[in-house]
């Protein structure tokens, strides 16, 4: 069962998608899933960067300086 806070956050997200004209529930759930995945990936990378600063350098998901640009705008 979802906590009240989590339910409210999901409802706000659902409303935001609806305001942008995306009312198909399958599309909304798909987009929320993508957002959750990207958030988790970003949290993992941030945690690895913090560990690397303290000397325990785990492998980076997105290594710096490899010449690749990771951008959705390109």
PDB file of N, CA and C in Angstrom:
ATOM      1  N   UNK A   1       0.838  -1.175   0.000  1.00  0.00           N
ATOM      2  CA  UNK A   1       0.000   0.000   0.000  1.00  0.00           C
ATOM      3  C   UNK A   1       0.889   1.247   0.000  1.00  0.00           C
ATOM      4  N   UNK A   2       0.491   2.235  -0.760  1.00  0.00           N
ATOM      5  CA  UNK A   2       1.276   3.458  -0.881  1.00  0.00           C
ATOM      6  C   UNK A   2       1.028   4.393   0.294  1.00  0.00           C
ATOM      7  N   UNK A   3       2.090   5.052   0.715  1.00  0.00           N
ATOM      8  CA  UNK A   3       1.920   6.052   1.762  1.00  0.00           C
ATOM      9  C   UNK A   3       1.168   7.250   1.170  1.00  0.00           C
ATOM     10  N   UNK A   4       0.591   8.045   2.031  1.00  0.00           N
ATOM     11  CA  UNK A   4      -0.179   9.207   1.570  1.00  0.00           C
ATOM     12  C   UNK A   4       0.719  10.189   0.821  1.00  0.00           C
ATOM     13  N   UNK A   5       1.957  10.385   1.300  1.00  0.00           N
ATOM     14  CA  UNK A   5       2.878  11.310   0.638  1.00  0.00           C
ATOM     15  C   UNK A   5       3.219  10.834  -0.769  1.00  0.00           C
ATOM     16  N   UNK A   6       3.526   9.547  -0.909  1.00  0.00           N
ATOM     17  CA  UNK A   6       3.867   9.007  -2.232  1.00  0.00           C
ATOM     18  C   UNK A   6       2.667   9.086  -3.166  1.00  0.00           C
ATOM     19  N   UNK A   7       1.487   8.775  -2.663  1.00  0.00           N
ATOM     20  CA  UNK A   7       0.281   8.862  -3.486  1.00  0.00           C
ATOM     21  C   UNK A   7       0.062  10.296  -3.969  1.00  0.00           C
ATOM     22  N   UNK A   8       0.265  11.275  -3.089  1.00  0.00           N
ATOM     23  CA  UNK A   8       0.093  12.677  -3.476  1.00  0.00           C
ATOM     24  C   UNK A   8       1.117  13.083  -4.538  1.00  0.00           C
ATOM     25  N   UNK A   9       2.348  12.617  -4.410  1.00  0.00           N
ATOM     26  CA  UNK A   9       3.381  12.951  -5.391  1.00  0.00           C
ATOM     27  C   UNK A   9       3.045  12.347  -6.758  1.00  0.00           C
ATOM     28  N   UNK A  10       2.546  11.115  -6.754  1.00  0.00           N
ATOM     29  CA  UNK A  10       2.163  10.469  -8.012  1.00  0.00           C
ATOM     30  C   UNK A  10       0.971  11.197  -8.624  1.00  0.00           C
ATOM     31  N   UNK A  11       0.007  11.590  -7.801  1.00  0.00           N
ATOM     32  CA  UNK A  11      -1.153  12.338  -8.303  1.00  0.00           C
ATOM     33  C   UNK A  11      -0.728  13.663  -8.934  1.00  0.00           C
ATOM     34  N   UNK A  12       0.239  14.371  -8.308  1.00  0.00           N
ATOM     35  CA  UNK A  12       0.732  15.629  -8.879  1.00  0.00           C
ATOM     36  C   UNK A  12       1.424  15.385 -10.213  1.00  0.00           C
ATOM     37  N   UNK A  13       2.205  14.308 -10.292  1.00  0.00           N
ATOM     38  CA  UNK A  13       2.872  13.972 -11.554  1.00  0.00           C
ATOM     39  C   UNK A  13       1.837  13.665 -12.622  1.00  0.00           C
ATOM     40  N   UNK A  14       0.830  12.874 -12.257  1.00  0.00           N
ATOM     41  CA  UNK A  14      -0.235  12.511 -13.192  1.00  0.00           C
ATOM     42  C   UNK A  14      -0.932  13.774 -13.702  1.00  0.00           C
ATOM     43  N   UNK A  15      -1.216  14.711 -12.790  1.00  0.00           N
ATOM     44  CA  UNK A  15      -1.857  15.974 -13.172  1.00  0.00           C
ATOM     45  C   UNK A  15      -0.977  16.792 -14.111  1.00  0.00           C
ATOM     46  N   UNK A  16       0.335  16.770 -13.871  1.00  0.00           N
ATOM     47  CA  UNK A  16       1.263  17.507 -14.739  1.00  0.00           C
ATOM     48  C   UNK A  16       1.240  16.927 -16.153  1.00  0.00           C
ATOM     49  N   UNK A  17       1.226  15.604 -16.265  1.00  0.00           N
ATOM     50  CA  UNK A  17       1.151  14.994 -17.596  1.00  0.00           C
ATOM     51  C   UNK A  17      -0.180  15.327 -18.263  1.00  0.00           C
ATOM     52  N   UNK A  18      -1.258  15.304 -17.490  1.00  0.00           N
ATOM     53  CA  UNK A  18      -2.573  15.610 -18.028  1.00  0.00           C
ATOM     54  C   UNK A  18      -2.630  17.060 -18.523  1.00  0.00           C
ATOM     55  N   UNK A  19      -2.001  17.961 -17.791  1.00  0.00           N
ATOM     56  CA  UNK A  19      -1.978  19.377 -18.193  1.00  0.00           C
ATOM     57  C   UNK A  19      -1.229  19.577 -19.506  1.00  0.00           C
ATOM     58  N   UNK A  20      -0.283  18.694 -19.800  1.00  0.00           N
ATOM     59  CA  UNK A  20       0.465  18.764 -21.064  1.00  0.00           C
ATOM     60  C   UNK A  20      -0.226  17.998 -22.190  1.00  0.00           C
ATOM     61  N   UNK A  21      -1.403  17.464 -21.917  1.00  0.00           N
ATOM     62  CA  UNK A  21      -2.179  16.799 -22.964  1.00  0.00           C
ATOM     63  C   UNK A  21      -1.918  15.306 -23.073  1.00  0.00           C
ATOM     64  N   UNK A  22      -1.189  14.731 -22.136  1.00  0.00           N
ATOM     65  CA  UNK A  22      -0.920  13.301 -22.189  1.00  0.00           C
ATOM     66  C   UNK A  22      -1.865  12.615 -21.203  1.00  0.00           C
ATOM     67  N   UNK A  23      -3.000  12.167 -21.707  1.00  0.00           N
ATOM     68  CA  UNK A  23      -4.008  11.584 -20.823  1.00  0.00           C
ATOM     69  C   UNK A  23      -4.112  10.072 -20.953  1.00  0.00           C
ATOM     70  N   UNK A  24      -3.391   9.475 -21.902  1.00  0.00           N
ATOM     71  CA  UNK A  24      -3.386   8.026 -22.046  1.00  0.00           C
ATOM     72  C   UNK A  24      -2.632   7.432 -20.864  1.00  0.00           C
ATOM     73  N   UNK A  25      -3.306   6.631 -20.056  1.00  0.00           N
ATOM     74  CA  UNK A  25      -2.700   6.116 -18.828  1.00  0.00           C
ATOM     75  C   UNK A  25      -1.462   5.271 -19.096  1.00  0.00           C
ATOM     76  N   UNK A  26      -1.435   4.552 -20.178  1.00  0.00           N
ATOM     77  CA  UNK A  26      -0.258   3.731 -20.502  1.00  0.00           C
ATOM     78  C   UNK A  26       0.962   4.611 -20.762  1.00  0.00           C
ATOM     79  N   UNK A  27       0.773   5.681 -21.503  1.00  0.00           N
ATOM     80  CA  UNK A  27       1.880   6.608 -21.783  1.00  0.00           C
ATOM     81  C   UNK A  27       2.369   7.281 -20.507  1.00  0.00           C
ATOM     82  N   UNK A  28       1.438   7.666 -19.649  1.00  0.00           N
ATOM     83  CA  UNK A  28       1.811   8.334 -18.402  1.00  0.00           C
ATOM     84  C   UNK A  28       2.626   7.387 -17.527  1.00  0.00           C
ATOM     85  N   UNK A  29       2.172   6.160 -17.369  1.00  0.00           N
ATOM     86  CA  UNK A  29       2.897   5.182 -16.557  1.00  0.00           C
ATOM     87  C   UNK A  29       4.276   4.908 -17.158  1.00  0.00           C
ATOM     88  N   UNK A  30       4.357   4.839 -18.481  1.00  0.00           N
ATOM     89  CA  UNK A  30       5.643   4.630 -19.147  1.00  0.00           C
ATOM     90  C   UNK A  30       6.596   5.788 -18.857  1.00  0.00           C
ATOM     91  N   UNK A  31       6.118   7.012 -18.943  1.00  0.00           N
ATOM     92  CA  UNK A  31       6.959   8.178 -18.686  1.00  0.00           C
ATOM     93  C   UNK A  31       7.380   8.260 -17.219  1.00  0.00           C
ATOM     94  N   UNK A  32       6.468   7.943 -16.308  1.00  0.00           N
ATOM     95  CA  UNK A  32       6.818   7.932 -14.886  1.00  0.00           C
ATOM     96  C   UNK A  32       7.893   6.885 -14.627  1.00  0.00           C
ATOM     97  N   UNK A  33       7.785   5.729 -15.266  1.00  0.00           N
ATOM     98  CA  UNK A  33       8.793   4.678 -15.113  1.00  0.00           C
ATOM     99  C   UNK A  33      10.146   5.156 -15.609  1.00  0.00           C
ATOM    100  N   UNK A  34      10.181   5.830 -16.761  1.00  0.00           N
ATOM    101  CA  UNK A  34      11.442   6.379 -17.271  1.00  0.00           C
ATOM    102  C   UNK A  34      12.041   7.378 -16.282  1.00  0.00           C
ATOM    103  N   UNK A  35      11.191   8.270 -15.756  1.00  0.00           N
ATOM    104  CA  UNK A  35      11.675   9.263 -14.803  1.00  0.00           C
ATOM    105  C   UNK A  35      12.245   8.610 -13.544  1.00  0.00           C
ATOM    106  N   UNK A  36      11.574   7.573 -13.052  1.00  0.00           N
ATOM    107  CA  UNK A  36      12.071   6.875 -11.870  1.00  0.00           C
ATOM    108  C   UNK A  36      13.412   6.200 -12.151  1.00  0.00           C
ATOM    109  N   UNK A  37      13.551   5.598 -13.327  1.00  0.00           N
ATOM    110  CA  UNK A  37      14.801   4.939 -13.692  1.00  0.00           C
ATOM    111  C   UNK A  37      15.943   5.951 -13.784  1.00  0.00           C
ATOM    112  N   UNK A  38      15.703   7.061 -14.464  1.00  0.00           N
ATOM    113  CA  UNK A  38      16.738   8.084 -14.630  1.00  0.00           C
ATOM    114  C   UNK A  38      17.109   8.679 -13.277  1.00  0.00           C
ATOM    115  N   UNK A  39      16.134   8.887 -12.409  1.00  0.00           N
ATOM    116  CA  UNK A  39      16.415   9.418 -11.068  1.00  0.00           C
ATOM    117  C   UNK A  39      17.305   8.467 -10.287  1.00  0.00           C
ATOM    118  N   UNK A  40      16.986   7.187 -10.355  1.00  0.00           N
ATOM    119  CA  UNK A  40      17.793   6.175  -9.641  1.00  0.00           C
ATOM    120  C   UNK A  40      19.200   6.103 -10.214  1.00  0.00           C
ATOM    121  N   UNK A  41      19.317   6.177 -11.525  1.00  0.00           N
ATOM    122  CA  UNK A  41      20.623   6.162 -12.176  1.00  0.00           C
ATOM    123  C   UNK A  41      21.446   7.377 -11.760  1.00  0.00           C
ATOM    124  N   UNK A  42      20.811   8.542 -11.696  1.00  0.00           N
ATOM    125  CA  UNK A  42      21.495   9.762 -11.281  1.00  0.00           C
ATOM    126  C   UNK A  42      21.934   9.673  -9.819  1.00  0.00           C
ATOM    127  N   UNK A  43      21.071   9.153  -8.950  1.00  0.00           N
ATOM    128  CA  UNK A  43      21.432   8.979  -7.540  1.00  0.00           C
ATOM    129  C   UNK A  43      22.638   8.055  -7.397  1.00  0.00           C
ATOM    130  N   UNK A  44      22.643   6.982  -8.162  1.00  0.00           N
ATOM    131  CA  UNK A  44      23.754   6.021  -8.125  1.00  0.00           C
ATOM    132  C   UNK A  44      25.054   6.686  -8.576  1.00  0.00           C
ATOM    133  N   UNK A  45      24.987   7.444  -9.640  1.00  0.00           N
ATOM    134  CA  UNK A  45      26.179   8.128 -10.160  1.00  0.00           C
ATOM    135  C   UNK A  45      26.682   9.172  -9.166  1.00  0.00           C
ATOM    136  N   UNK A  46      25.775   9.916  -8.544  1.00  0.00           N
ATOM    137  CA  UNK A  46      26.159  10.912  -7.545  1.00  0.00           C
ATOM    138  C   UNK A  46      26.840  10.253  -6.356  1.00  0.00           C
ATOM    139  N   UNK A  47      26.306   9.124  -5.915  1.00  0.00           N
ATOM    140  CA  UNK A  47      26.899   8.384  -4.810  1.00  0.00           C
ATOM    141  C   UNK A  47      28.301   7.893  -5.177  1.00  0.00           C
ATOM    142  N   UNK A  48      28.470   7.392  -6.406  1.00  0.00           N
ATOM    143  CA  UNK A  48      29.786   6.933  -6.850  1.00  0.00           C
ATOM    144  C   UNK A  48      30.786   8.084  -6.924  1.00  0.00           C
ATOM    145  N   UNK A  49      30.332   9.249  -7.367  1.00  0.00           N
ATOM    146  CA  UNK A  49      31.225  10.408  -7.433  1.00  0.00           C
ATOM    147  C   UNK A  49      31.673  10.824  -6.037  1.00  0.00           C
ATOM    148  N   UNK A  50      30.759  10.774  -5.076  1.00  0.00           N
ATOM    149  CA  UNK A  50      31.118  11.121  -3.695  1.00  0.00           C
ATOM    150  C   UNK A  50      32.130  10.121  -3.142  1.00  0.00           C
ATOM    151  N   UNK A  51      31.941   8.843  -3.414  1.00  0.00           N
ATOM    152  CA  UNK A  51      32.885   7.821  -2.955  1.00  0.00           C
ATOM    153  C   UNK A  51      34.255   8.034  -3.595  1.00  0.00           C
ATOM    154  N   UNK A  52      34.259   8.405  -4.862  1.00  0.00           N
ATOM    155  CA  UNK A  52      35.522   8.619  -5.574  1.00  0.00           C
ATOM    156  C   UNK A  52      36.294   9.781  -4.959  1.00  0.00           C
ATOM    157  N   UNK A  53      35.573  10.813  -4.516  1.00  0.00           N
ATOM    158  CA  UNK A  53      36.245  11.954  -3.882  1.00  0.00           C
ATOM    159  C   UNK A  53      36.916  11.546  -2.568  1.00  0.00           C
ATOM    160  N   UNK A  54      36.394  10.526  -1.911  1.00  0.00           N
ATOM    161  CA  UNK A  54      36.955  10.074  -0.635  1.00  0.00           C
ATOM    162  C   UNK A  54      37.948   8.935  -0.824  1.00  0.00           C
ATOM    163  N   UNK A  55      38.272   8.602  -2.056  1.00  0.00           N
ATOM    164  CA  UNK A  55      39.316   7.612  -2.312  1.00  0.00           C
ATOM    165  C   UNK A  55      38.831   6.217  -2.627  1.00  0.00           C
ATOM    166  N   UNK A  56      37.595   5.903  -2.374  1.00  0.00           N
ATOM    167  CA  UNK A  56      37.060   4.584  -2.706  1.00  0.00           C
ATOM    168  C   UNK A  56      36.377   4.702  -4.057  1.00  0.00           C
ATOM    169  N   UNK A  57      37.167   4.629  -5.118  1.00  0.00           N
ATOM    170  CA  UNK A  57      36.658   4.924  -6.456  1.00  0.00           C
ATOM    171  C   UNK A  57      36.001   3.699  -7.092  1.00  0.00           C
ATOM    172  N   UNK A  58      34.676   3.627  -7.051  1.00  0.00           N
ATOM    173  CA  UNK A  58      33.978   2.558  -7.770  1.00  0.00           C
ATOM    174  C   UNK A  58      33.930   2.903  -9.256  1.00  0.00           C
ATOM    175  N   UNK A  59      33.659   1.936 -10.099  1.00  0.00           N
ATOM    176  CA  UNK A  59      33.554   2.256 -11.528  1.00  0.00           C
ATOM    177  C   UNK A  59      32.408   3.230 -11.777  1.00  0.00           C
ATOM    178  N   UNK A  60      32.663   4.209 -12.623  1.00  0.00           N
ATOM    179  CA  UNK A  60      31.667   5.225 -12.925  1.00  0.00           C
ATOM    180  C   UNK A  60      30.729   4.710 -14.021  1.00  0.00           C
ATOM    181  N   UNK A  61      29.473   5.065 -13.923  1.00  0.00           N
ATOM    182  CA  UNK A  61      28.517   4.705 -14.961  1.00  0.00           C
ATOM    183  C   UNK A  61      28.806   5.529 -16.209  1.00  0.00           C
ATOM    184  N   UNK A  62      29.050   6.813 -16.008  1.00  0.00           N
ATOM    185  CA  UNK A  62      29.366   7.720 -17.100  1.00  0.00           C
ATOM    186  C   UNK A  62      30.759   8.284 -16.853  1.00  0.00           C
ATOM    187  N   UNK A  63      31.813   7.596 -17.308  1.00  0.00           N
ATOM    188  CA  UNK A  63      33.167   8.087 -17.056  1.00  0.00           C
ATOM    189  C   UNK A  63      33.386   9.471 -17.657  1.00  0.00           C
ATOM    190  N   UNK A  64      34.139  10.284 -16.941  1.00  0.00           N
ATOM    191  CA  UNK A  64      34.438  11.630 -17.404  1.00  0.00           C
ATOM    192  C   UNK A  64      35.617  11.583 -18.371  1.00  0.00           C
ATOM    193  N   UNK A  65      35.601  12.468 -19.348  1.00  0.00           N
ATOM    194  CA  UNK A  65      36.744  12.621 -20.239  1.00  0.00           C
ATOM    195  C   UNK A  65      36.879  11.562 -21.309  1.00  0.00           C
ATOM    196  N   UNK A  66      35.824  10.821 -21.594  1.00  0.00           N
ATOM    197  CA  UNK A  66      35.944   9.807 -22.646  1.00  0.00           C
ATOM    198  C   UNK A  66      35.525  10.364 -24.004  1.00  0.00           C
ATOM    199  N   UNK A  67      35.260  11.662 -24.069  1.00  0.00           N
ATOM    200  CA  UNK A  67      34.930  12.297 -25.340  1.00  0.00           C
ATOM    201  C   UNK A  67      33.464  12.234 -25.706  1.00  0.00           C
ATOM    202  N   UNK A  68      32.656  11.554 -24.930  1.00  0.00           N
ATOM    203  CA  UNK A  68      31.228  11.447 -25.235  1.00  0.00           C
ATOM    204  C   UNK A  68      30.473  12.553 -24.521  1.00  0.00           C
ATOM    205  N   UNK A  69      29.493  13.090 -25.223  1.00  0.00           N
ATOM    206  CA  UNK A  69      28.592  14.059 -24.608  1.00  0.00           C
ATOM    207  C   UNK A  69      27.240  13.365 -24.449  1.00  0.00           C
ATOM    208  N   UNK A  70      26.750  13.362 -23.248  1.00  0.00           N
ATOM    209  CA  UNK A  70      25.459  12.762 -22.990  1.00  0.00           C
ATOM    210  C   UNK A  70      24.444  13.879 -22.821  1.00  0.00           C
ATOM    211  N   UNK A  71      23.662  14.098 -23.876  1.00  0.00           N
ATOM    212  CA  UNK A  71      22.715  15.195 -23.840  1.00  0.00           C
ATOM    213  C   UNK A  71      21.495  14.817 -24.663  1.00  0.00           C
ATOM    214  N   UNK A  72      20.328  15.146 -24.147  1.00  0.00           N
ATOM    215  CA  UNK A  72      19.104  14.885 -24.897  1.00  0.00           C
ATOM    216  C   UNK A  72      18.872  15.926 -25.983  1.00  0.00           C
ATOM    217  N   UNK A  73      19.582  17.047 -25.915  1.00  0.00           N
ATOM    218  CA  UNK A  73      19.334  18.115 -26.859  1.00  0.00           C
ATOM    219  C   UNK A  73      20.077  17.928 -28.181  1.00  0.00           C
ATOM    220  N   UNK A  74      20.955  16.961 -28.245  1.00  0.00           N
ATOM    221  CA  UNK A  74      21.719  16.758 -29.492  1.00  0.00           C
ATOM    222  C   UNK A  74      21.009  15.816 -30.419  1.00  0.00           C
TER     223      UNK A  74
END
